[in-house]
Amino acid sequence: MKVRNSLKALKAVPGSQIVRRRGRTFVINKLNPRAKARQG
């Protein structure tokens, strides 16, 4: 999982979902698990 300042580019990857958990923003992707990321 990458820690990134901005998740805007990962939002465009097919299959990605943006989820808010514990006050942090995550990108989860079942189709392409390499696109997992957390903001901040």
PDB file of N, CA and C in Angstrom:
ATOM      1  N   MET A   1       0.839  -1.187   0.000  1.00  0.00           N
ATOM      2  CA  MET A   1       0.000   0.000   0.000  1.00  0.00           C
ATOM      3  C   MET A   1       0.877   1.241   0.000  1.00  0.00           C
ATOM      4  N   LYS A   2       0.550   2.171  -0.881  1.00  0.00           N
ATOM      5  CA  LYS A   2       1.289   3.431  -0.944  1.00  0.00           C
ATOM      6  C   LYS A   2       0.614   4.463  -0.051  1.00  0.00           C
ATOM      7  N   VAL A   3       1.418   5.362   0.477  1.00  0.00           N
ATOM      8  CA  VAL A   3       0.889   6.525   1.193  1.00  0.00           C
ATOM      9  C   VAL A   3       1.121   7.723   0.293  1.00  0.00           C
ATOM     10  N   ARG A   4       0.048   8.374  -0.113  1.00  0.00           N
ATOM     11  CA  ARG A   4       0.140   9.442  -1.112  1.00  0.00           C
ATOM     12  C   ARG A   4      -0.520  10.708  -0.607  1.00  0.00           C
ATOM     13  N   ASN A   5      -0.080  11.840  -1.178  1.00  0.00           N
ATOM     14  CA  ASN A   5      -0.701  13.110  -0.844  1.00  0.00           C
ATOM     15  C   ASN A   5      -2.053  13.261  -1.527  1.00  0.00           C
ATOM     16  N   SER A   6      -2.150  12.751  -2.742  1.00  0.00           N
ATOM     17  CA  SER A   6      -3.382  12.921  -3.501  1.00  0.00           C
ATOM     18  C   SER A   6      -3.789  11.584  -4.101  1.00  0.00           C
ATOM     19  N   LEU A   7      -5.074  11.252  -3.983  1.00  0.00           N
ATOM     20  CA  LEU A   7      -5.594   9.996  -4.528  1.00  0.00           C
ATOM     21  C   LEU A   7      -6.333  10.212  -5.837  1.00  0.00           C
ATOM     22  N   LYS A   8      -6.235  11.417  -6.379  1.00  0.00           N
ATOM     23  CA  LYS A   8      -7.036  11.747  -7.556  1.00  0.00           C
ATOM     24  C   LYS A   8      -6.681  10.865  -8.749  1.00  0.00           C
ATOM     25  N   ALA A   9      -5.394  10.568  -8.944  1.00  0.00           N
ATOM     26  CA  ALA A   9      -4.993   9.747 -10.093  1.00  0.00           C
ATOM     27  C   ALA A   9      -5.460   8.307  -9.920  1.00  0.00           C
ATOM     28  N   LEU A  10      -5.452   7.810  -8.692  1.00  0.00           N
ATOM     29  CA  LEU A  10      -5.865   6.429  -8.465  1.00  0.00           C
ATOM     30  C   LEU A  10      -7.372   6.257  -8.568  1.00  0.00           C
ATOM     31  N   LYS A  11      -8.104   7.354  -8.423  1.00  0.00           N
ATOM     32  CA  LYS A  11      -9.556   7.269  -8.521  1.00  0.00           C
ATOM     33  C   LYS A  11      -9.977   6.865  -9.933  1.00  0.00           C
ATOM     34  N   ALA A  12      -9.151   7.176 -10.937  1.00  0.00           N
ATOM     35  CA  ALA A  12      -9.501   6.883 -12.325  1.00  0.00           C
ATOM     36  C   ALA A  12      -9.179   5.456 -12.726  1.00  0.00           C
ATOM     37  N   VAL A  13      -8.450   4.701 -11.895  1.00  0.00           N
ATOM     38  CA  VAL A  13      -8.090   3.322 -12.225  1.00  0.00           C
ATOM     39  C   VAL A  13      -9.348   2.461 -12.173  1.00  0.00           C
ATOM     40  N   PRO A  14      -9.579   1.583 -13.162  1.00  0.00           N
ATOM     41  CA  PRO A  14     -10.804   0.779 -13.159  1.00  0.00           C
ATOM     42  C   PRO A  14     -10.896  -0.106 -11.923  1.00  0.00           C
ATOM     43  N   GLY A  15     -12.073  -0.141 -11.333  1.00  0.00           N
ATOM     44  CA  GLY A  15     -12.323  -1.009 -10.189  1.00  0.00           C
ATOM     45  C   GLY A  15     -11.985  -0.407  -8.844  1.00  0.00           C
ATOM     46  N   SER A  16     -11.501   0.817  -8.807  1.00  0.00           N
ATOM     47  CA  SER A  16     -11.074   1.384  -7.524  1.00  0.00           C
ATOM     48  C   SER A  16     -12.249   2.035  -6.808  1.00  0.00           C
ATOM     49  N   GLN A  17     -12.247   1.906  -5.482  1.00  0.00           N
ATOM     50  CA  GLN A  17     -13.257   2.530  -4.641  1.00  0.00           C
ATOM     51  C   GLN A  17     -12.557   3.375  -3.605  1.00  0.00           C
ATOM     52  N   ILE A  18     -13.144   4.531  -3.308  1.00  0.00           N
ATOM     53  CA  ILE A  18     -12.602   5.393  -2.255  1.00  0.00           C
ATOM     54  C   ILE A  18     -13.421   5.167  -0.994  1.00  0.00           C
ATOM     55  N   VAL A  19     -12.731   4.865   0.101  1.00  0.00           N
ATOM     56  CA  VAL A  19     -13.370   4.512   1.359  1.00  0.00           C
ATOM     57  C   VAL A  19     -12.757   5.359   2.457  1.00  0.00           C
ATOM     58  N   ARG A  20     -13.609   5.855   3.375  1.00  0.00           N
ATOM     59  CA  ARG A  20     -13.095   6.586   4.537  1.00  0.00           C
ATOM     60  C   ARG A  20     -13.186   5.682   5.753  1.00  0.00           C
ATOM     61  N   ARG A  21     -12.044   5.440   6.371  1.00  0.00           N
ATOM     62  CA  ARG A  21     -11.983   4.606   7.565  1.00  0.00           C
ATOM     63  C   ARG A  21     -11.091   5.276   8.589  1.00  0.00           C
ATOM     64  N   ARG A  22     -11.593   5.348   9.826  1.00  0.00           N
ATOM     65  CA  ARG A  22     -10.809   5.888  10.935  1.00  0.00           C
ATOM     66  C   ARG A  22     -10.220   7.251  10.606  1.00  0.00           C
ATOM     67  N   GLY A  23     -10.982   8.075   9.892  1.00  0.00           N
ATOM     68  CA  GLY A  23     -10.517   9.424   9.584  1.00  0.00           C
ATOM     69  C   GLY A  23      -9.496   9.516   8.480  1.00  0.00           C
ATOM     70  N   ARG A  24      -9.168   8.405   7.845  1.00  0.00           N
ATOM     71  CA  ARG A  24      -8.227   8.426   6.723  1.00  0.00           C
ATOM     72  C   ARG A  24      -8.972   8.007   5.471  1.00  0.00           C
ATOM     73  N   THR A  25      -8.445   8.419   4.331  1.00  0.00           N
ATOM     74  CA  THR A  25      -9.051   8.077   3.050  1.00  0.00           C
ATOM     75  C   THR A  25      -8.217   6.987   2.397  1.00  0.00           C
ATOM     76  N   PHE A  26      -8.879   5.899   2.009  1.00  0.00           N
ATOM     77  CA  PHE A  26      -8.201   4.770   1.391  1.00  0.00           C
ATOM     78  C   PHE A  26      -8.749   4.553  -0.005  1.00  0.00           C
ATOM     79  N   VAL A  27      -7.900   3.996  -0.874  1.00  0.00           N
ATOM     80  CA  VAL A  27      -8.356   3.482  -2.166  1.00  0.00           C
ATOM     81  C   VAL A  27      -8.173   1.979  -2.111  1.00  0.00           C
ATOM     82  N   ILE A  28      -9.262   1.239  -2.348  1.00  0.00           N
ATOM     83  CA  ILE A  28      -9.170  -0.215  -2.421  1.00  0.00           C
ATOM     84  C   ILE A  28      -9.589  -0.635  -3.810  1.00  0.00           C
ATOM     85  N   ASN A  29      -8.967  -1.682  -4.310  1.00  0.00           N
ATOM     86  CA  ASN A  29      -9.212  -2.116  -5.680  1.00  0.00           C
ATOM     87  C   ASN A  29      -9.096  -3.631  -5.748  1.00  0.00           C
ATOM     88  N   LYS A  30     -10.229  -4.307  -5.971  1.00  0.00           N
ATOM     89  CA  LYS A  30     -10.214  -5.766  -6.074  1.00  0.00           C
ATOM     90  C   LYS A  30      -9.613  -6.227  -7.407  1.00  0.00           C
ATOM     91  N   LEU A  31      -9.852  -5.449  -8.468  1.00  0.00           N
ATOM     92  CA  LEU A  31      -9.355  -5.854  -9.781  1.00  0.00           C
ATOM     93  C   LEU A  31      -7.850  -5.721  -9.875  1.00  0.00           C
ATOM     94  N   ASN A  32      -7.309  -4.663  -9.272  1.00  0.00           N
ATOM     95  CA  ASN A  32      -5.874  -4.393  -9.357  1.00  0.00           C
ATOM     96  C   ASN A  32      -5.378  -4.040  -7.961  1.00  0.00           C
ATOM     97  N   PRO A  33      -5.004  -5.057  -7.136  1.00  0.00           N
ATOM     98  CA  PRO A  33      -4.625  -4.774  -5.752  1.00  0.00           C
ATOM     99  C   PRO A  33      -3.374  -3.901  -5.600  1.00  0.00           C
ATOM    100  N   ARG A  34      -2.633  -3.713  -6.674  1.00  0.00           N
ATOM    101  CA  ARG A  34      -1.463  -2.830  -6.596  1.00  0.00           C
ATOM    102  C   ARG A  34      -1.858  -1.375  -6.468  1.00  0.00           C
ATOM    103  N   ALA A  35      -3.138  -1.066  -6.741  1.00  0.00           N
ATOM    104  CA  ALA A  35      -3.602   0.318  -6.667  1.00  0.00           C
ATOM    105  C   ALA A  35      -4.105   0.676  -5.281  1.00  0.00           C
ATOM    106  N   LYS A  36      -3.812  -0.148  -4.267  1.00  0.00           N
ATOM    107  CA  LYS A  36      -4.227   0.212  -2.903  1.00  0.00           C
ATOM    108  C   LYS A  36      -3.403   1.387  -2.417  1.00  0.00           C
ATOM    109  N   ALA A  37      -4.060   2.319  -1.744  1.00  0.00           N
ATOM    110  CA  ALA A  37      -3.337   3.501  -1.256  1.00  0.00           C
ATOM    111  C   ALA A  37      -4.091   4.112  -0.081  1.00  0.00           C
ATOM    112  N   ARG A  38      -3.350   4.941   0.640  1.00  0.00           N
ATOM    113  CA  ARG A  38      -3.912   5.684   1.761  1.00  0.00           C
ATOM    114  C   ARG A  38      -3.442   7.110   1.636  1.00  0.00           C
ATOM    115  N   GLN A  39      -4.300   8.067   2.019  1.00  0.00           N
ATOM    116  CA  GLN A  39      -3.920   9.470   1.910  1.00  0.00           C
ATOM    117  C   GLN A  39      -3.383   9.966   3.237  1.00  0.00           C
ATOM    118  N   GLY A  40      -2.320  10.798   3.159  1.00  0.00           N
ATOM    119  CA  GLY A  40      -1.818  11.479   4.346  1.00  0.00           C
ATOM    120  C   GLY A  40      -0.567  10.946   4.912  1.00  0.00           C
TER     121      GLY A  40
END
